[in-house]
């Protein structure tokens, strides 16, 4: 159900007990995911949906931000809509129309972004960056469980710094 101010009232839940809702304390689009378990506060995190959208023109090294997330009541709240297992919104970013949809599936969350360039500019690339703000049990400050993909395969993001596991946090995160 959608309220008149663009707020989605229901929380979606998959068969595994994962819940998806709009994080409505921000006007800019953010989602809240809660994993099943006894301590929901420790098992809840937010996803900036998206954190930013960048476009680049042919031959230009630097991209231009079409959108940047701002916390709080900055900007206009999107008109959210909901169907069976998805939450979505659309907005215009200058001459670029943007659709964002998050679908709660049985095995996780599928994020879909779609762009329609209605401007006179011929963009070489437009991309949106989704930013999961992992907190609670999912927070991995020492990067013990955070992997990155290299052409040789997956490796721990901070594998080149094994001393990070014992160094004081004020040295690891100055």
N, C-alpha and C. Protein backbone atom coordinates (compact mmCIF):
# COMPACT_ATOMS: atom_id res chain seq x y z
N UNK A 1 0.84 -1.17 0.00
CA UNK A 1 0.00 0.00 0.00
C UNK A 1 0.89 1.24 0.00
N UNK A 2 0.49 2.27 -0.75
CA UNK A 2 1.24 3.51 -0.83
C UNK A 2 0.42 4.63 -0.21
N UNK A 3 1.03 5.40 0.68
CA UNK A 3 0.37 6.55 1.29
C UNK A 3 0.51 7.75 0.37
N UNK A 4 -0.24 8.80 0.63
CA UNK A 4 -0.24 9.98 -0.23
C UNK A 4 1.11 10.68 -0.27
N UNK A 5 1.96 10.57 0.73
CA UNK A 5 3.26 11.24 0.73
C UNK A 5 4.36 10.35 0.18
N UNK A 6 4.00 9.26 -0.52
CA UNK A 6 4.99 8.41 -1.15
C UNK A 6 5.60 7.38 -0.22
N UNK A 7 4.97 7.13 0.93
CA UNK A 7 5.51 6.15 1.86
C UNK A 7 4.84 4.80 1.61
N UNK A 8 5.63 3.76 1.59
CA UNK A 8 5.11 2.40 1.47
C UNK A 8 4.90 1.90 2.88
N UNK A 9 3.68 1.41 3.18
CA UNK A 9 3.36 1.06 4.56
C UNK A 9 3.74 -0.36 4.94
N UNK A 10 3.66 -1.29 4.03
CA UNK A 10 3.87 -2.69 4.37
C UNK A 10 5.34 -3.06 4.33
N UNK A 11 5.68 -4.07 5.09
CA UNK A 11 7.02 -4.66 5.05
C UNK A 11 6.89 -5.97 4.29
N UNK A 12 7.76 -6.17 3.32
CA UNK A 12 7.77 -7.42 2.57
C UNK A 12 8.60 -8.44 3.34
N UNK A 13 8.23 -9.70 3.25
CA UNK A 13 8.99 -10.76 3.92
C UNK A 13 9.03 -11.98 3.01
N UNK A 14 10.22 -12.60 2.89
CA UNK A 14 10.34 -13.81 2.07
C UNK A 14 10.16 -15.04 2.97
N UNK A 15 10.10 -16.26 2.40
CA UNK A 15 9.89 -17.47 3.20
C UNK A 15 10.99 -17.72 4.24
N UNK A 16 12.19 -17.18 4.02
CA UNK A 16 13.28 -17.35 4.99
C UNK A 16 13.17 -16.40 6.17
N UNK A 17 12.24 -15.44 6.10
CA UNK A 17 12.07 -14.48 7.19
C UNK A 17 12.82 -13.18 7.00
N UNK A 18 13.49 -12.99 5.85
CA UNK A 18 14.15 -11.72 5.57
C UNK A 18 13.07 -10.69 5.25
N UNK A 19 13.19 -9.50 5.86
CA UNK A 19 12.20 -8.44 5.67
C UNK A 19 12.80 -7.26 4.93
N UNK A 20 12.01 -6.64 4.06
CA UNK A 20 12.40 -5.47 3.27
C UNK A 20 11.39 -4.36 3.51
N UNK A 21 11.89 -3.16 3.80
CA UNK A 21 11.02 -2.00 3.99
C UNK A 21 11.75 -0.75 3.51
N UNK A 22 11.01 0.31 3.30
CA UNK A 22 11.60 1.61 3.00
C UNK A 22 12.07 2.22 4.30
N UNK A 23 13.31 2.73 4.32
CA UNK A 23 13.84 3.44 5.50
C UNK A 23 13.36 4.88 5.37
N UNK A 24 12.22 5.18 5.98
CA UNK A 24 11.57 6.47 5.71
C UNK A 24 12.05 7.63 6.57
N UNK A 25 13.11 7.47 7.37
CA UNK A 25 13.64 8.61 8.10
C UNK A 25 14.44 9.53 7.17
N UNK A 26 14.74 9.04 5.96
CA UNK A 26 15.41 9.85 4.95
C UNK A 26 14.43 10.14 3.82
N UNK A 27 14.51 11.35 3.25
CA UNK A 27 13.72 11.62 2.05
C UNK A 27 14.31 10.91 0.85
N UNK A 28 15.63 10.84 0.79
CA UNK A 28 16.29 10.17 -0.33
C UNK A 28 16.11 8.66 -0.17
N UNK A 29 16.06 7.92 -1.28
CA UNK A 29 15.70 6.51 -1.22
C UNK A 29 16.73 5.63 -0.49
N UNK A 30 16.24 4.94 0.52
CA UNK A 30 17.03 3.96 1.26
C UNK A 30 16.10 2.83 1.68
N UNK A 31 16.66 1.64 1.74
CA UNK A 31 15.90 0.45 2.12
C UNK A 31 16.41 -0.07 3.45
N UNK A 32 15.56 -0.79 4.16
CA UNK A 32 15.95 -1.43 5.41
C UNK A 32 15.73 -2.93 5.25
N UNK A 33 16.79 -3.69 5.52
CA UNK A 33 16.74 -5.15 5.47
C UNK A 33 16.90 -5.67 6.89
N UNK A 34 16.03 -6.58 7.30
CA UNK A 34 16.14 -7.21 8.62
C UNK A 34 16.19 -8.71 8.40
N UNK A 35 17.26 -9.30 8.92
CA UNK A 35 17.45 -10.75 8.83
C UNK A 35 16.70 -11.43 9.97
N UNK A 36 16.26 -12.67 9.78
CA UNK A 36 15.55 -13.35 10.87
C UNK A 36 16.50 -13.65 12.03
N UNK A 37 15.96 -13.64 13.21
CA UNK A 37 16.76 -13.96 14.39
C UNK A 37 16.23 -13.26 15.62
N UNK A 38 16.83 -13.56 16.76
CA UNK A 38 16.32 -13.06 18.03
C UNK A 38 16.61 -11.59 18.32
N UNK A 39 17.59 -10.98 17.64
CA UNK A 39 17.97 -9.59 17.93
C UNK A 39 17.85 -8.74 16.67
N UNK A 40 16.63 -8.32 16.28
CA UNK A 40 16.46 -7.59 15.03
C UNK A 40 17.34 -6.34 14.91
N UNK A 41 17.58 -5.63 16.01
CA UNK A 41 18.41 -4.43 15.94
C UNK A 41 19.83 -4.74 15.49
N UNK A 42 20.33 -5.89 15.87
CA UNK A 42 21.68 -6.31 15.47
C UNK A 42 21.70 -6.89 14.07
N UNK A 43 20.55 -7.25 13.53
CA UNK A 43 20.47 -7.93 12.25
C UNK A 43 19.77 -7.09 11.20
N UNK A 44 19.77 -5.77 11.41
CA UNK A 44 19.14 -4.85 10.48
C UNK A 44 20.19 -3.94 9.88
N UNK A 45 20.09 -3.70 8.60
CA UNK A 45 21.00 -2.76 7.94
C UNK A 45 20.25 -2.02 6.85
N UNK A 46 20.86 -0.93 6.40
CA UNK A 46 20.25 -0.10 5.36
C UNK A 46 21.03 -0.19 4.08
N UNK A 47 20.33 0.05 2.99
CA UNK A 47 20.93 0.09 1.67
C UNK A 47 20.56 1.42 1.04
N UNK A 48 21.57 2.22 0.66
CA UNK A 48 21.30 3.45 -0.07
C UNK A 48 20.97 3.03 -1.50
N UNK A 49 19.85 3.49 -2.00
CA UNK A 49 19.19 2.90 -3.16
C UNK A 49 18.92 3.91 -4.25
N UNK A 50 19.95 4.40 -4.95
CA UNK A 50 21.39 4.16 -4.86
C UNK A 50 22.08 5.24 -4.04
N UNK A 51 23.37 5.05 -3.83
CA UNK A 51 24.18 6.05 -3.13
C UNK A 51 24.50 7.21 -4.06
N UNK A 52 24.80 6.90 -5.32
CA UNK A 52 24.97 7.96 -6.32
C UNK A 52 24.76 7.39 -7.71
N UNK A 53 24.50 8.32 -8.64
CA UNK A 53 24.38 7.99 -10.06
C UNK A 53 25.34 8.90 -10.80
N UNK A 54 26.19 8.30 -11.61
CA UNK A 54 27.21 9.04 -12.34
C UNK A 54 27.06 8.78 -13.83
N UNK A 55 27.27 9.82 -14.62
CA UNK A 55 27.22 9.71 -16.08
C UNK A 55 28.48 10.30 -16.66
N UNK A 56 28.93 9.74 -17.76
CA UNK A 56 30.10 10.31 -18.43
C UNK A 56 29.81 10.44 -19.91
N UNK A 57 30.38 11.49 -20.48
CA UNK A 57 30.26 11.75 -21.91
C UNK A 57 31.45 11.13 -22.63
N UNK A 58 31.30 10.81 -23.90
CA UNK A 58 32.43 10.23 -24.65
C UNK A 58 33.66 11.14 -24.59
N UNK A 59 34.80 10.51 -24.33
CA UNK A 59 36.06 11.24 -24.32
C UNK A 59 36.37 12.00 -23.05
N UNK A 60 35.46 12.00 -22.08
CA UNK A 60 35.71 12.69 -20.82
C UNK A 60 36.16 11.70 -19.76
N UNK A 61 37.26 12.05 -19.08
CA UNK A 61 37.79 11.16 -18.03
C UNK A 61 36.94 11.22 -16.77
N UNK A 62 36.41 12.37 -16.45
CA UNK A 62 35.61 12.55 -15.23
C UNK A 62 34.12 12.43 -15.53
N UNK A 63 33.42 11.73 -14.64
CA UNK A 63 31.98 11.64 -14.77
C UNK A 63 31.30 12.77 -14.04
N UNK A 64 30.02 12.91 -14.29
CA UNK A 64 29.19 13.93 -13.65
C UNK A 64 28.15 13.23 -12.79
N UNK A 65 28.02 13.66 -11.54
CA UNK A 65 27.00 13.07 -10.66
C UNK A 65 25.63 13.62 -11.03
N UNK A 66 24.75 12.74 -11.41
CA UNK A 66 23.37 13.11 -11.67
C UNK A 66 22.56 13.09 -10.38
N UNK A 67 23.05 12.31 -9.39
CA UNK A 67 22.36 12.17 -8.11
C UNK A 67 23.38 11.76 -7.05
N UNK A 68 23.23 12.31 -5.85
CA UNK A 68 24.02 11.92 -4.67
C UNK A 68 23.07 11.80 -3.49
N UNK A 69 23.15 10.69 -2.75
CA UNK A 69 22.32 10.49 -1.55
C UNK A 69 22.69 11.54 -0.50
N UNK A 70 21.70 12.08 0.14
CA UNK A 70 21.88 12.98 1.28
C UNK A 70 20.97 12.49 2.40
N UNK A 71 21.51 12.25 3.59
CA UNK A 71 20.67 11.75 4.69
C UNK A 71 19.72 12.83 5.19
N UNK A 72 18.70 12.39 5.88
CA UNK A 72 17.75 13.33 6.50
C UNK A 72 16.64 13.73 5.55
N UNK A 73 16.16 14.93 5.74
CA UNK A 73 14.98 15.42 5.00
C UNK A 73 15.35 16.23 3.76
N UNK A 74 16.57 16.03 3.24
CA UNK A 74 17.03 16.74 2.06
C UNK A 74 16.30 16.22 0.82
N UNK A 75 15.84 17.12 -0.02
CA UNK A 75 15.24 16.73 -1.30
C UNK A 75 13.84 16.20 -1.17
N UNK A 76 13.31 15.82 -2.31
CA UNK A 76 11.94 15.34 -2.39
C UNK A 76 11.89 13.82 -2.23
N UNK A 77 10.94 13.36 -1.45
CA UNK A 77 10.74 11.92 -1.24
C UNK A 77 10.17 11.32 -2.53
N UNK A 78 10.69 10.16 -2.97
CA UNK A 78 10.12 9.56 -4.19
C UNK A 78 8.72 9.01 -3.93
N UNK A 79 7.98 8.85 -5.00
CA UNK A 79 6.66 8.23 -4.94
C UNK A 79 6.86 6.72 -5.04
N UNK A 80 6.95 6.08 -3.88
CA UNK A 80 7.19 4.63 -3.83
C UNK A 80 5.95 3.89 -4.28
N UNK A 81 6.16 2.74 -4.89
CA UNK A 81 5.05 1.84 -5.20
C UNK A 81 5.50 0.42 -4.86
N UNK A 82 4.52 -0.39 -4.60
CA UNK A 82 4.81 -1.75 -4.14
C UNK A 82 3.90 -2.72 -4.85
N UNK A 83 4.48 -3.87 -5.24
CA UNK A 83 3.63 -4.97 -5.69
C UNK A 83 3.97 -6.18 -4.84
N UNK A 84 3.67 -7.37 -5.29
CA UNK A 84 3.80 -8.58 -4.46
C UNK A 84 5.09 -8.63 -3.66
N UNK A 85 6.24 -8.61 -4.34
CA UNK A 85 7.51 -8.78 -3.64
C UNK A 85 8.53 -7.72 -4.03
N UNK A 86 8.08 -6.58 -4.54
CA UNK A 86 8.98 -5.51 -4.97
C UNK A 86 8.55 -4.16 -4.43
N UNK A 87 9.56 -3.30 -4.25
CA UNK A 87 9.35 -1.89 -3.92
C UNK A 87 10.10 -1.11 -5.00
N UNK A 88 9.47 -0.07 -5.55
CA UNK A 88 10.09 0.65 -6.66
C UNK A 88 9.72 2.14 -6.60
N UNK A 89 10.50 2.92 -7.33
CA UNK A 89 10.20 4.34 -7.55
C UNK A 89 10.83 4.75 -8.87
N UNK A 90 10.37 5.89 -9.37
CA UNK A 90 10.94 6.48 -10.58
C UNK A 90 11.17 7.96 -10.31
N UNK A 91 12.17 8.52 -11.01
CA UNK A 91 12.39 9.96 -10.93
C UNK A 91 13.16 10.41 -12.15
N UNK A 92 13.05 11.70 -12.42
CA UNK A 92 13.79 12.30 -13.52
C UNK A 92 15.00 13.03 -12.96
N UNK A 93 16.14 12.80 -13.58
CA UNK A 93 17.42 13.41 -13.20
C UNK A 93 17.87 14.25 -14.39
N UNK A 94 17.36 15.46 -14.46
CA UNK A 94 17.63 16.25 -15.67
C UNK A 94 16.92 15.58 -16.83
N UNK A 95 17.66 15.22 -17.86
CA UNK A 95 17.07 14.56 -19.01
C UNK A 95 17.14 13.05 -18.95
N UNK A 96 17.49 12.49 -17.81
CA UNK A 96 17.59 11.03 -17.67
C UNK A 96 16.48 10.55 -16.74
N UNK A 97 15.66 9.63 -17.26
CA UNK A 97 14.62 9.02 -16.43
C UNK A 97 15.21 7.78 -15.76
N UNK A 98 14.92 7.62 -14.47
CA UNK A 98 15.53 6.56 -13.67
C UNK A 98 14.45 5.75 -12.98
N UNK A 99 14.54 4.43 -13.10
CA UNK A 99 13.67 3.49 -12.40
C UNK A 99 14.54 2.65 -11.48
N UNK A 100 14.14 2.53 -10.21
CA UNK A 100 14.83 1.68 -9.24
C UNK A 100 13.82 0.72 -8.66
N UNK A 101 14.18 -0.58 -8.66
CA UNK A 101 13.28 -1.59 -8.11
C UNK A 101 14.09 -2.57 -7.27
N UNK A 102 13.59 -2.88 -6.08
CA UNK A 102 14.20 -3.89 -5.20
C UNK A 102 13.19 -5.01 -5.04
N UNK A 103 13.61 -6.22 -5.38
CA UNK A 103 12.73 -7.38 -5.33
C UNK A 103 13.26 -8.36 -4.29
N UNK A 104 12.43 -8.68 -3.31
CA UNK A 104 12.80 -9.63 -2.28
C UNK A 104 12.48 -11.03 -2.81
N UNK A 105 13.54 -11.79 -3.10
CA UNK A 105 13.38 -13.14 -3.62
C UNK A 105 13.61 -14.15 -2.50
N UNK A 106 13.38 -15.41 -2.78
CA UNK A 106 13.55 -16.46 -1.77
C UNK A 106 14.98 -16.53 -1.24
N UNK A 107 15.95 -16.22 -2.10
CA UNK A 107 17.36 -16.36 -1.71
C UNK A 107 18.10 -15.03 -1.58
N UNK A 108 17.39 -13.92 -1.51
CA UNK A 108 18.07 -12.65 -1.32
C UNK A 108 17.33 -11.49 -1.96
N UNK A 109 18.05 -10.41 -2.18
CA UNK A 109 17.49 -9.18 -2.72
C UNK A 109 18.06 -8.92 -4.10
N UNK A 110 17.20 -8.66 -5.06
CA UNK A 110 17.60 -8.32 -6.42
C UNK A 110 17.34 -6.83 -6.61
N UNK A 111 18.40 -6.07 -6.93
CA UNK A 111 18.29 -4.64 -7.18
C UNK A 111 18.37 -4.43 -8.69
N UNK A 112 17.42 -3.68 -9.23
CA UNK A 112 17.34 -3.43 -10.67
C UNK A 112 17.27 -1.92 -10.90
N UNK A 113 18.16 -1.42 -11.73
CA UNK A 113 18.13 -0.01 -12.12
C UNK A 113 17.96 0.06 -13.63
N UNK A 114 17.17 1.02 -14.07
CA UNK A 114 16.92 1.20 -15.50
C UNK A 114 16.98 2.69 -15.82
N UNK A 115 17.68 3.02 -16.89
CA UNK A 115 17.84 4.41 -17.31
C UNK A 115 17.24 4.59 -18.70
N UNK A 116 16.62 5.75 -18.91
CA UNK A 116 16.15 6.16 -20.24
C UNK A 116 16.67 7.57 -20.46
N UNK A 117 17.58 7.72 -21.42
CA UNK A 117 18.17 9.03 -21.70
C UNK A 117 17.23 9.80 -22.62
N UNK A 118 16.63 10.85 -22.09
CA UNK A 118 15.71 11.69 -22.85
C UNK A 118 16.32 13.06 -23.13
N UNK A 119 17.61 13.17 -22.84
CA UNK A 119 18.30 14.44 -23.05
C UNK A 119 18.92 14.47 -24.44
N UNK A 120 19.48 15.60 -24.79
CA UNK A 120 20.19 15.73 -26.06
C UNK A 120 21.64 15.26 -25.94
N UNK A 121 22.07 14.94 -24.73
CA UNK A 121 23.44 14.48 -24.50
C UNK A 121 23.55 12.99 -24.84
N UNK A 122 24.67 12.61 -25.42
CA UNK A 122 24.92 11.23 -25.78
C UNK A 122 25.91 10.65 -24.77
N UNK A 123 25.40 10.15 -23.66
CA UNK A 123 26.26 9.62 -22.61
C UNK A 123 26.95 8.34 -23.06
N UNK A 124 28.22 8.21 -22.73
CA UNK A 124 28.95 6.97 -23.00
C UNK A 124 28.59 5.91 -21.96
N UNK A 125 28.30 6.38 -20.72
CA UNK A 125 28.00 5.44 -19.65
C UNK A 125 27.21 6.17 -18.55
N UNK A 126 26.26 5.45 -17.98
CA UNK A 126 25.54 5.91 -16.80
C UNK A 126 25.47 4.72 -15.85
N UNK A 127 25.83 4.94 -14.60
CA UNK A 127 25.76 3.84 -13.64
C UNK A 127 25.31 4.33 -12.27
N UNK A 128 24.70 3.41 -11.54
CA UNK A 128 24.23 3.67 -10.19
C UNK A 128 24.97 2.75 -9.23
N UNK A 129 25.41 3.29 -8.11
CA UNK A 129 26.14 2.52 -7.10
C UNK A 129 25.23 2.28 -5.91
N UNK A 130 24.99 1.01 -5.60
CA UNK A 130 24.20 0.61 -4.44
C UNK A 130 25.15 0.47 -3.26
N UNK A 131 24.77 1.04 -2.12
CA UNK A 131 25.66 1.06 -0.95
C UNK A 131 24.98 0.40 0.24
N UNK A 132 25.31 -0.88 0.53
CA UNK A 132 24.78 -1.51 1.74
C UNK A 132 25.57 -1.02 2.94
N UNK A 133 24.90 -0.43 3.91
CA UNK A 133 25.54 0.08 5.12
C UNK A 133 25.46 -1.00 6.19
N UNK A 134 26.40 -1.93 6.15
CA UNK A 134 26.35 -3.09 7.03
C UNK A 134 26.68 -2.71 8.47
N UNK A 135 25.80 -3.09 9.37
CA UNK A 135 25.94 -2.79 10.79
C UNK A 135 25.68 -4.05 11.60
N UNK A 136 25.80 -3.97 12.90
CA UNK A 136 25.50 -5.09 13.78
C UNK A 136 26.38 -6.28 13.48
N UNK A 137 25.77 -7.46 13.42
CA UNK A 137 26.54 -8.68 13.20
C UNK A 137 27.15 -8.73 11.80
N UNK A 138 26.67 -7.90 10.90
CA UNK A 138 27.19 -7.89 9.53
C UNK A 138 28.38 -6.95 9.35
N UNK A 139 28.63 -6.09 10.33
CA UNK A 139 29.73 -5.13 10.24
C UNK A 139 31.06 -5.87 10.33
N UNK A 140 31.98 -5.55 9.43
CA UNK A 140 33.25 -6.28 9.33
C UNK A 140 34.39 -5.26 9.31
N UNK A 141 34.59 -4.57 10.42
CA UNK A 141 35.52 -3.45 10.48
C UNK A 141 36.96 -3.85 10.15
N UNK A 142 37.35 -5.05 10.50
CA UNK A 142 38.73 -5.49 10.22
C UNK A 142 38.85 -6.25 8.90
N UNK A 143 37.75 -6.30 8.15
CA UNK A 143 37.71 -6.94 6.83
C UNK A 143 38.15 -8.40 6.88
N UNK A 144 37.66 -9.10 7.89
CA UNK A 144 37.97 -10.52 8.05
C UNK A 144 37.12 -11.40 7.14
N UNK A 145 35.95 -10.87 6.73
CA UNK A 145 35.03 -11.66 5.91
C UNK A 145 34.67 -10.96 4.61
N UNK A 146 35.38 -9.88 4.27
CA UNK A 146 35.06 -9.09 3.08
C UNK A 146 35.98 -9.50 1.94
N UNK A 147 35.38 -10.06 0.90
CA UNK A 147 36.16 -10.57 -0.23
C UNK A 147 36.01 -9.64 -1.43
N UNK A 148 37.01 -9.67 -2.29
CA UNK A 148 37.02 -8.92 -3.53
C UNK A 148 37.41 -9.89 -4.64
N UNK A 149 36.90 -9.64 -5.83
CA UNK A 149 37.21 -10.52 -6.95
C UNK A 149 38.36 -9.95 -7.76
N UNK A 150 39.41 -10.75 -7.91
CA UNK A 150 40.54 -10.43 -8.79
C UNK A 150 40.47 -11.36 -9.99
N UNK A 151 41.25 -11.10 -11.02
CA UNK A 151 41.21 -12.00 -12.18
C UNK A 151 41.66 -13.41 -11.82
N UNK A 152 42.45 -13.55 -10.74
CA UNK A 152 42.89 -14.86 -10.28
C UNK A 152 41.85 -15.56 -9.41
N UNK A 153 40.83 -14.85 -8.98
CA UNK A 153 39.79 -15.41 -8.13
C UNK A 153 39.52 -14.51 -6.93
N UNK A 154 38.76 -15.00 -5.96
CA UNK A 154 38.40 -14.23 -4.78
C UNK A 154 39.51 -14.25 -3.75
N UNK A 155 39.66 -13.12 -3.04
CA UNK A 155 40.64 -13.01 -1.96
C UNK A 155 40.09 -12.02 -0.95
N UNK A 156 40.51 -12.13 0.29
CA UNK A 156 40.10 -11.16 1.30
C UNK A 156 40.55 -9.77 0.89
N UNK A 157 39.68 -8.79 1.06
CA UNK A 157 39.98 -7.43 0.66
C UNK A 157 41.27 -6.91 1.29
N UNK A 158 41.50 -7.23 2.55
CA UNK A 158 42.67 -6.73 3.27
C UNK A 158 43.69 -7.83 3.52
N UNK A 159 43.78 -8.80 2.63
CA UNK A 159 44.70 -9.92 2.84
C UNK A 159 46.17 -9.49 2.85
N UNK A 160 46.46 -8.37 2.22
CA UNK A 160 47.85 -7.89 2.20
C UNK A 160 48.25 -7.24 3.52
N UNK A 161 47.30 -7.14 4.47
CA UNK A 161 47.58 -6.52 5.78
C UNK A 161 47.15 -7.48 6.88
N UNK A 162 47.82 -8.62 7.06
CA UNK A 162 47.37 -9.58 8.08
C UNK A 162 47.47 -9.04 9.50
N UNK A 163 48.33 -8.07 9.76
CA UNK A 163 48.47 -7.50 11.11
C UNK A 163 47.24 -6.70 11.53
N UNK A 164 46.31 -6.44 10.59
CA UNK A 164 45.10 -5.67 10.93
C UNK A 164 44.27 -6.36 12.00
N UNK A 165 44.39 -7.68 12.09
CA UNK A 165 43.58 -8.44 13.04
C UNK A 165 43.97 -8.17 14.49
N UNK A 166 45.18 -7.71 14.74
CA UNK A 166 45.63 -7.45 16.11
C UNK A 166 45.97 -5.99 16.38
N UNK A 167 46.05 -5.17 15.35
CA UNK A 167 46.40 -3.76 15.59
C UNK A 167 45.21 -3.00 16.17
N UNK A 168 45.47 -1.96 16.98
CA UNK A 168 44.38 -1.15 17.54
C UNK A 168 43.56 -0.51 16.41
N UNK A 169 42.26 -0.40 16.63
CA UNK A 169 41.40 0.17 15.59
C UNK A 169 41.81 1.58 15.19
N UNK A 170 42.38 2.36 16.13
CA UNK A 170 42.77 3.72 15.77
C UNK A 170 43.98 3.73 14.82
N UNK A 171 44.66 2.62 14.68
CA UNK A 171 45.73 2.49 13.68
C UNK A 171 45.18 1.91 12.39
N UNK A 172 44.26 0.96 12.50
CA UNK A 172 43.66 0.35 11.32
C UNK A 172 42.75 1.34 10.61
N UNK A 173 42.02 2.13 11.37
CA UNK A 173 41.11 3.14 10.81
C UNK A 173 41.51 4.51 11.37
N UNK A 174 42.61 5.08 10.87
CA UNK A 174 43.06 6.36 11.45
C UNK A 174 42.09 7.50 11.21
